[in-house]
Amino acid sequence: MMIAVDAMGGDHAPDIVIQGAIQALETSKIQVMLLGDEISIQSHLGNYSSDRLTIQDAPDLISMDEPGSRVVKTKPNSSIVQGLQLVKDGKADAFVSAGNTGAVLATSLLLLGRIPGVHRPALAAYIPSESGGKIICDVGANPDTKPKYLLQFAILASHYYSHVEGVENPKVGLINIGSEANKGSALYQETHQLLQKNLPNFVGNIEGRYLMSSEADVLICDGFVGNTLIKFAENWISHLGDELKSAFQNHWLSRMGKHFIKPALVSIKEKFDYEEHGGAPLLGINGVSIVAHGSSGPKSIKNSIKLAQKCVESHLIEHTQTQFKNSIRGIA
């Protein structure tokens, strides 16, 4: 299995991306192709070599603020365009990037296309919860959307969660400002009606304070709300860790007590560490395309690559094509 990895994407590329790719190689039998400035990649690799690691020179650079819709024409030799072209041509099984999300989305749409019947692709990201993990969809691909698109996000995310996580009939909730059906904007009120009518596993609106403790496995919202939520959650968890470290240094009794509760703290950190889950799959695309956090560390890159591997090995795209077609029958 070949995973194409954008070595130039992210806030700390290419060094962090290369470290994550090496970690993925050391924990699996996959092959990795790093795409980007070949000289820079070789320099950061140093003396490391593996017969399962290859490099493809992609000299065009895409900045994080560059309009994504233009890059296929303006940056054909970029790591994002070349990586997704490899997937299209069957020379790579999946693509992973921590780079410009808009560029990955637009290029995935243009080169790989949508699964038949899908109106808009959506990003699905894990959030920690009391039960272990839930997914939010959408987290940034569609800041402006429609009720019928949100219904499709729910169907796609349910199929993904069920197939990859092995949970039959995952419960779906709609993120809203109140639990009642008539709460929220017109968009969310109409979406509630569509979900209630078409999804037997819909459990209703979920307020923000219950996101981590609700019975829902899949949480649906537009990309603006989802992206804001996911970034707040990640920063809050990091901030809480910093506050705990500071508190333990304030008194000698606290410093002593830290050693007794350290195992519990480590367990909590692992449970709520977003890097454990890697990136977000772009659902509805006719190929495996994973968008990692721009601020990803090596562990997040490694786990994004492993997520791509899991999607390929489980034949996610083929199953989604069949399941989605069956699910939208009879839905207007």
Protein backbone atom coordinates (compact mmCIF):
# COMPACT_ATOMS: atom_id res chain seq x y z
CA MET A 1 0.00 0.00 0.00
CA MET A 2 1.33 3.40 -1.01
CA ILE A 3 0.37 6.54 0.95
CA ALA A 4 1.25 9.87 -0.71
CA VAL A 5 2.17 12.48 1.91
CA ASP A 6 2.41 16.23 1.40
CA ALA A 7 5.81 16.97 2.94
CA MET A 8 5.41 20.73 2.51
CA GLY A 9 2.02 21.10 4.21
CA GLY A 10 1.59 22.46 7.73
CA ASP A 11 3.04 25.02 10.08
CA HIS A 12 6.19 23.00 10.76
CA ALA A 13 6.85 21.36 7.39
CA PRO A 14 8.82 19.58 6.19
CA ASP A 15 10.61 18.51 9.39
CA ILE A 16 7.55 17.51 11.45
CA VAL A 17 5.86 15.80 8.49
CA ILE A 18 8.98 13.75 7.79
CA GLN A 19 9.26 12.72 11.44
CA GLY A 20 5.63 11.59 11.41
CA ALA A 21 6.10 9.67 8.16
CA ILE A 22 9.11 7.85 9.60
CA GLN A 23 7.12 6.93 12.71
CA ALA A 24 4.34 5.56 10.49
CA LEU A 25 6.84 3.47 8.53
CA GLU A 26 8.29 2.08 11.75
CA THR A 27 4.88 0.94 13.03
CA SER A 28 3.42 -0.55 9.84
CA LYS A 29 4.32 -2.20 6.54
CA ILE A 30 3.02 0.56 4.29
CA GLN A 31 5.00 2.48 1.70
CA VAL A 32 5.20 6.28 1.90
CA MET A 33 5.93 8.74 -0.87
CA LEU A 34 6.95 12.20 0.33
CA LEU A 35 6.06 14.99 -2.10
CA GLY A 36 7.71 18.40 -2.01
CA ASP A 37 11.01 20.15 -2.51
CA GLU A 38 13.36 17.19 -2.98
CA ILE A 39 16.49 18.96 -1.73
CA SER A 40 14.74 20.13 1.44
CA ILE A 41 13.26 16.68 2.09
CA GLN A 42 16.62 14.96 1.61
CA SER A 43 18.24 17.47 3.95
CA HIS A 44 15.72 16.79 6.72
CA LEU A 45 15.91 13.02 6.22
CA GLY A 46 19.64 13.11 6.94
CA ASN A 47 21.03 9.59 7.08
CA TYR A 48 17.62 7.93 7.31
CA SER A 49 16.71 5.57 4.49
CA SER A 50 14.12 2.88 3.87
CA ASP A 51 13.17 0.85 0.83
CA ARG A 52 9.55 1.75 1.67
CA LEU A 53 10.17 5.50 1.53
CA THR A 54 10.38 7.39 -1.77
CA ILE A 55 10.50 11.06 -2.73
CA GLN A 56 8.81 12.86 -5.60
CA ASP A 57 9.99 16.36 -6.35
CA ALA A 58 7.15 18.90 -6.25
CA PRO A 59 8.75 22.36 -6.36
CA ASP A 60 5.60 24.52 -6.47
CA LEU A 61 4.70 25.79 -2.99
CA ILE A 62 1.12 26.51 -1.86
CA SER A 63 0.80 28.96 1.01
CA MET A 64 -1.84 28.45 3.71
CA ASP A 65 -3.75 31.58 2.60
CA GLU A 66 -3.68 30.86 -1.14
CA PRO A 67 -7.09 30.42 -2.85
CA GLY A 68 -7.53 26.68 -3.17
CA SER A 69 -9.69 26.78 -6.28
CA ARG A 70 -6.80 27.92 -8.48
CA VAL A 71 -3.95 25.62 -7.52
CA VAL A 72 -4.55 22.88 -10.09
CA LYS A 73 -3.93 25.44 -12.86
CA THR A 74 -1.46 27.74 -11.13
CA LYS A 75 0.54 25.16 -9.12
CA PRO A 76 0.42 21.88 -11.11
CA ASN A 77 3.79 20.83 -9.69
CA SER A 78 2.77 21.33 -6.06
CA SER A 79 2.76 18.51 -3.52
CA ILE A 80 -1.04 18.66 -3.16
CA VAL A 81 -1.81 18.48 -6.88
CA GLN A 82 0.82 15.82 -7.60
CA GLY A 83 -0.19 13.74 -4.57
CA LEU A 84 -3.86 13.64 -5.51
CA GLN A 85 -2.93 12.98 -9.16
CA LEU A 86 -1.09 9.87 -7.95
CA VAL A 87 -4.29 8.69 -6.24
CA LYS A 88 -6.32 9.39 -9.37
CA ASP A 89 -3.83 7.45 -11.51
CA GLY A 90 -3.82 4.49 -9.12
CA LYS A 91 -0.16 5.00 -8.22
CA ALA A 92 -1.04 5.83 -4.60
CA ASP A 93 -3.85 4.46 -2.47
CA ALA A 94 -4.42 7.56 -0.34
CA PHE A 95 -3.27 11.14 0.20
CA VAL A 96 -2.44 12.93 3.47
CA SER A 97 -1.82 16.66 3.86
CA ALA A 98 -1.54 19.16 6.72
CA GLY A 99 -1.46 21.97 4.18
CA ASN A 100 -4.01 24.39 2.74
CA THR A 101 -7.43 22.80 3.42
CA GLY A 102 -9.13 24.68 0.60
CA ALA A 103 -6.50 23.49 -1.85
CA VAL A 104 -6.89 19.86 -0.74
CA LEU A 105 -10.68 20.12 -0.98
CA ALA A 106 -10.73 21.79 -4.40
CA THR A 107 -8.07 19.50 -5.86
CA SER A 108 -9.74 16.38 -4.44
CA LEU A 109 -13.02 17.45 -6.04
CA LEU A 110 -11.43 18.20 -9.41
CA LEU A 111 -9.13 15.18 -9.69
CA LEU A 112 -10.96 12.45 -7.73
CA GLY A 113 -14.55 13.65 -8.08
CA ARG A 114 -17.53 12.99 -5.85
CA ILE A 115 -19.16 9.68 -5.04
CA PRO A 116 -22.31 9.52 -7.23
CA GLY A 117 -25.20 11.33 -5.56
CA VAL A 118 -23.09 13.38 -3.14
CA HIS A 119 -23.84 17.12 -3.29
CA ARG A 120 -20.92 18.35 -1.17
CA PRO A 121 -18.00 16.54 0.49
CA ALA A 122 -17.49 17.14 4.21
CA LEU A 123 -14.71 16.81 6.77
CA ALA A 124 -15.26 14.52 9.76
CA ALA A 125 -13.03 14.93 12.82
CA TYR A 126 -12.85 13.06 16.10
CA ILE A 127 -13.50 14.73 19.41
CA PRO A 128 -12.81 13.05 22.76
CA SER A 129 -15.78 12.01 24.87
CA GLU A 130 -16.71 10.08 27.98
CA SER A 131 -17.31 7.00 25.82
CA GLY A 132 -13.99 7.29 23.99
CA GLY A 133 -14.64 9.22 20.80
CA LYS A 134 -17.27 10.85 18.61
CA ILE A 135 -17.03 12.54 15.24
CA ILE A 136 -18.18 16.00 14.21
CA CYS A 137 -19.12 16.59 10.59
CA ASP A 138 -18.60 19.09 8.97
CA VAL A 139 -15.51 20.78 10.45
CA GLY A 140 -14.61 23.25 7.74
CA ALA A 141 -15.34 22.18 4.18
CA ASN A 142 -18.76 23.90 4.05
CA PRO A 143 -19.13 27.08 6.14
CA ASP A 144 -22.30 27.86 4.17
CA THR A 145 -24.64 24.96 3.57
CA LYS A 146 -28.22 23.76 3.14
CA PRO A 147 -30.46 21.31 5.05
CA LYS A 148 -30.23 18.69 2.29
CA TYR A 149 -26.43 18.87 2.46
CA LEU A 150 -26.45 18.43 6.24
CA LEU A 151 -28.65 15.37 5.78
CA GLN A 152 -26.05 13.93 3.42
CA PHE A 153 -23.27 14.77 5.89
CA ALA A 154 -25.16 12.73 8.48
CA ILE A 155 -25.48 9.78 6.11
CA LEU A 156 -21.82 9.90 5.04
CA ALA A 157 -20.54 10.34 8.60
CA SER A 158 -22.74 7.49 9.86
CA HIS A 159 -21.41 5.15 7.17
CA TYR A 160 -17.85 6.20 7.97
CA TYR A 161 -18.22 5.75 11.73
CA SER A 162 -19.98 2.42 11.32
CA HIS A 163 -17.51 1.03 8.82
CA VAL A 164 -14.22 2.23 10.27
CA GLU A 165 -15.14 2.00 13.97
CA GLY A 166 -17.29 -1.13 13.69
CA VAL A 167 -20.34 0.45 15.36
CA GLU A 168 -23.63 -0.66 13.84
CA ASN A 169 -26.28 2.05 13.41
CA PRO A 170 -24.39 4.86 15.16
CA LYS A 171 -26.61 7.48 16.75
CA VAL A 172 -26.73 10.88 15.08
CA GLY A 173 -27.25 14.22 16.83
CA LEU A 174 -27.64 17.74 15.44
CA ILE A 175 -25.59 20.40 17.22
CA ASN A 176 -27.96 23.20 18.19
CA ILE A 177 -28.63 25.89 20.81
CA GLY A 178 -31.44 23.92 22.43
CA SER A 179 -32.82 20.40 22.58
CA GLU A 180 -36.27 21.31 21.27
CA ALA A 181 -37.04 20.74 17.59
CA ASN A 182 -38.00 24.40 17.03
CA LYS A 183 -34.71 25.81 18.36
CA GLY A 184 -31.98 27.36 16.25
CA SER A 185 -31.91 29.10 12.89
CA ALA A 186 -34.18 28.21 9.97
CA LEU A 187 -31.32 26.11 8.59
CA TYR A 188 -31.15 23.97 11.70
CA GLN A 189 -34.92 23.72 12.19
CA GLU A 190 -35.37 22.41 8.65
CA THR A 191 -32.38 20.10 9.02
CA HIS A 192 -33.91 18.68 12.20
CA GLN A 193 -37.08 17.84 10.27
CA LEU A 194 -35.11 16.14 7.48
CA LEU A 195 -33.00 14.09 9.88
CA GLN A 196 -36.01 13.06 11.93
CA LYS A 197 -37.88 12.00 8.80
CA ASN A 198 -35.07 10.11 7.09
CA LEU A 199 -32.70 8.76 9.76
CA PRO A 200 -34.03 6.12 12.19
CA ASN A 201 -30.88 6.58 14.30
CA PHE A 202 -31.40 10.34 14.79
CA VAL A 203 -31.54 11.27 18.50
CA GLY A 204 -32.38 14.97 18.16
CA ASN A 205 -30.64 18.24 18.93
CA ILE A 206 -27.52 18.25 21.11
CA GLU A 207 -26.57 21.38 23.04
CA GLY A 208 -22.93 22.43 23.29
CA ARG A 209 -22.65 21.51 26.96
CA TYR A 210 -23.60 17.90 26.19
CA LEU A 211 -21.35 17.27 23.19
CA MET A 212 -18.92 15.03 25.07
CA SER A 213 -21.52 13.23 27.19
CA SER A 214 -24.44 12.82 24.78
CA GLU A 215 -25.57 9.47 23.46
CA ALA A 216 -24.84 10.56 19.88
CA ASP A 217 -21.85 9.00 18.13
CA VAL A 218 -22.01 11.37 15.16
CA LEU A 219 -22.57 15.12 15.61
CA ILE A 220 -23.74 17.14 12.61
CA CYS A 221 -23.30 20.87 11.95
CA ASP A 222 -22.20 23.29 9.26
CA GLY A 223 -18.48 23.77 8.65
CA PHE A 224 -18.32 27.16 10.37
CA VAL A 225 -19.71 25.82 13.66
CA GLY A 226 -17.72 22.59 13.43
CA ASN A 227 -14.40 24.24 12.72
CA THR A 228 -14.89 26.70 15.59
CA LEU A 229 -15.82 23.90 17.98
CA ILE A 230 -12.96 21.60 17.08
CA LYS A 231 -10.34 24.34 17.37
CA PHE A 232 -11.74 25.51 20.70
CA ALA A 233 -11.72 21.95 22.05
CA GLU A 234 -8.12 21.36 20.97
CA ASN A 235 -6.90 24.62 22.49
CA TRP A 236 -8.92 24.14 25.68
CA ILE A 237 -7.39 20.71 26.27
CA SER A 238 -3.90 22.10 25.70
CA HIS A 239 -4.62 25.08 27.98
CA LEU A 240 -5.94 22.81 30.73
CA GLY A 241 -2.73 20.79 30.60
CA ASP A 242 -0.65 23.95 30.97
CA GLU A 243 -2.77 25.09 33.92
CA LEU A 244 -2.33 21.74 35.67
CA LYS A 245 1.45 21.88 35.20
CA SER A 246 1.51 25.38 36.65
CA ALA A 247 -0.68 24.41 39.60
CA PHE A 248 1.58 21.49 40.53
CA GLN A 249 4.57 23.83 40.74
CA ASN A 250 2.92 26.33 43.08
CA HIS A 251 3.36 24.40 46.35
CA TRP A 252 5.64 21.65 47.61
CA LEU A 253 2.63 19.51 48.59
CA SER A 254 1.32 19.79 45.04
CA ARG A 255 4.69 18.75 43.65
CA MET A 256 4.67 15.67 45.91
CA GLY A 257 1.09 14.79 45.06
CA LYS A 258 1.78 15.01 41.34
CA HIS A 259 3.78 11.78 41.46
CA PHE A 260 0.86 9.85 42.97
CA ILE A 261 -1.69 10.96 40.40
CA LYS A 262 0.64 11.01 37.40
CA PRO A 263 -0.70 7.71 35.93
CA ALA A 264 -4.25 9.09 36.02
CA LEU A 265 -3.13 12.35 34.40
CA VAL A 266 -1.31 10.48 31.64
CA SER A 267 -4.43 8.41 30.98
CA ILE A 268 -6.59 11.54 30.75
CA LYS A 269 -4.07 13.24 28.46
CA GLU A 270 -4.03 10.29 26.08
CA LYS A 271 -7.83 10.15 26.03
CA PHE A 272 -8.24 13.84 25.22
CA ASP A 273 -5.19 14.30 22.98
CA TYR A 274 -6.47 15.21 19.52
CA GLU A 275 -3.20 14.05 17.96
CA GLU A 276 -4.14 10.47 18.88
CA HIS A 277 -6.80 10.53 16.15
CA GLY A 278 -4.81 12.20 13.39
CA GLY A 279 -6.56 14.11 10.63
CA ALA A 280 -10.03 14.35 9.16
CA PRO A 281 -11.17 12.27 6.18
CA LEU A 282 -12.85 14.14 3.35
CA LEU A 283 -16.12 12.21 3.10
CA GLY A 284 -17.98 11.98 -0.19
CA ILE A 285 -14.84 12.09 -2.34
CA ASN A 286 -14.13 9.18 -4.69
CA GLY A 287 -10.81 8.41 -3.02
CA VAL A 288 -9.09 8.55 0.36
CA SER A 289 -8.02 12.13 1.12
CA ILE A 290 -7.03 12.99 4.70
CA VAL A 291 -6.68 16.58 5.96
CA ALA A 292 -4.44 16.87 9.02
CA HIS A 293 -4.20 19.86 11.36
CA GLY A 294 -1.91 22.63 10.16
CA SER A 295 -0.31 22.63 13.61
CA SER A 296 0.17 18.85 13.62
CA GLY A 297 3.11 17.33 15.44
CA PRO A 298 4.82 14.09 14.40
CA LYS A 299 2.29 11.94 16.27
CA SER A 300 -0.65 13.54 14.49
CA ILE A 301 1.00 13.06 11.09
CA LYS A 302 1.77 9.44 11.94
CA ASN A 303 -1.83 8.82 13.00
CA SER A 304 -3.17 10.61 9.93
CA ILE A 305 -1.17 8.21 7.76
CA LYS A 306 -2.42 5.27 9.81
CA LEU A 307 -6.00 6.54 9.42
CA ALA A 308 -5.48 6.64 5.66
CA GLN A 309 -4.18 3.08 5.83
CA LYS A 310 -7.24 2.01 7.82
CA CYS A 311 -9.60 3.61 5.30
CA VAL A 312 -7.90 1.83 2.41
CA GLU A 313 -7.67 -1.56 4.12
CA SER A 314 -11.35 -1.45 5.10
CA HIS A 315 -12.37 -0.54 1.51
CA LEU A 316 -14.16 2.55 2.83
CA ILE A 317 -14.73 4.16 -0.57
CA GLU A 318 -16.22 1.05 -2.17
CA HIS A 319 -18.54 0.45 0.78
CA THR A 320 -19.58 4.11 0.92
CA GLN A 321 -20.44 4.08 -2.78
CA THR A 322 -22.86 1.19 -2.24
CA GLN A 323 -24.25 2.24 1.13
CA PHE A 324 -24.75 5.87 0.17
CA LYS A 325 -26.63 4.91 -2.99
CA ASN A 326 -28.97 2.72 -0.94
CA SER A 327 -29.41 5.35 1.78
CA ILE A 328 -30.50 8.21 -0.49
CA ARG A 329 -33.20 6.23 -2.28
CA GLY A 330 -36.52 7.90 -1.62
CA ILE A 331 -34.94 11.04 -0.17
CA ALA A 332 -35.82 14.25 -2.00
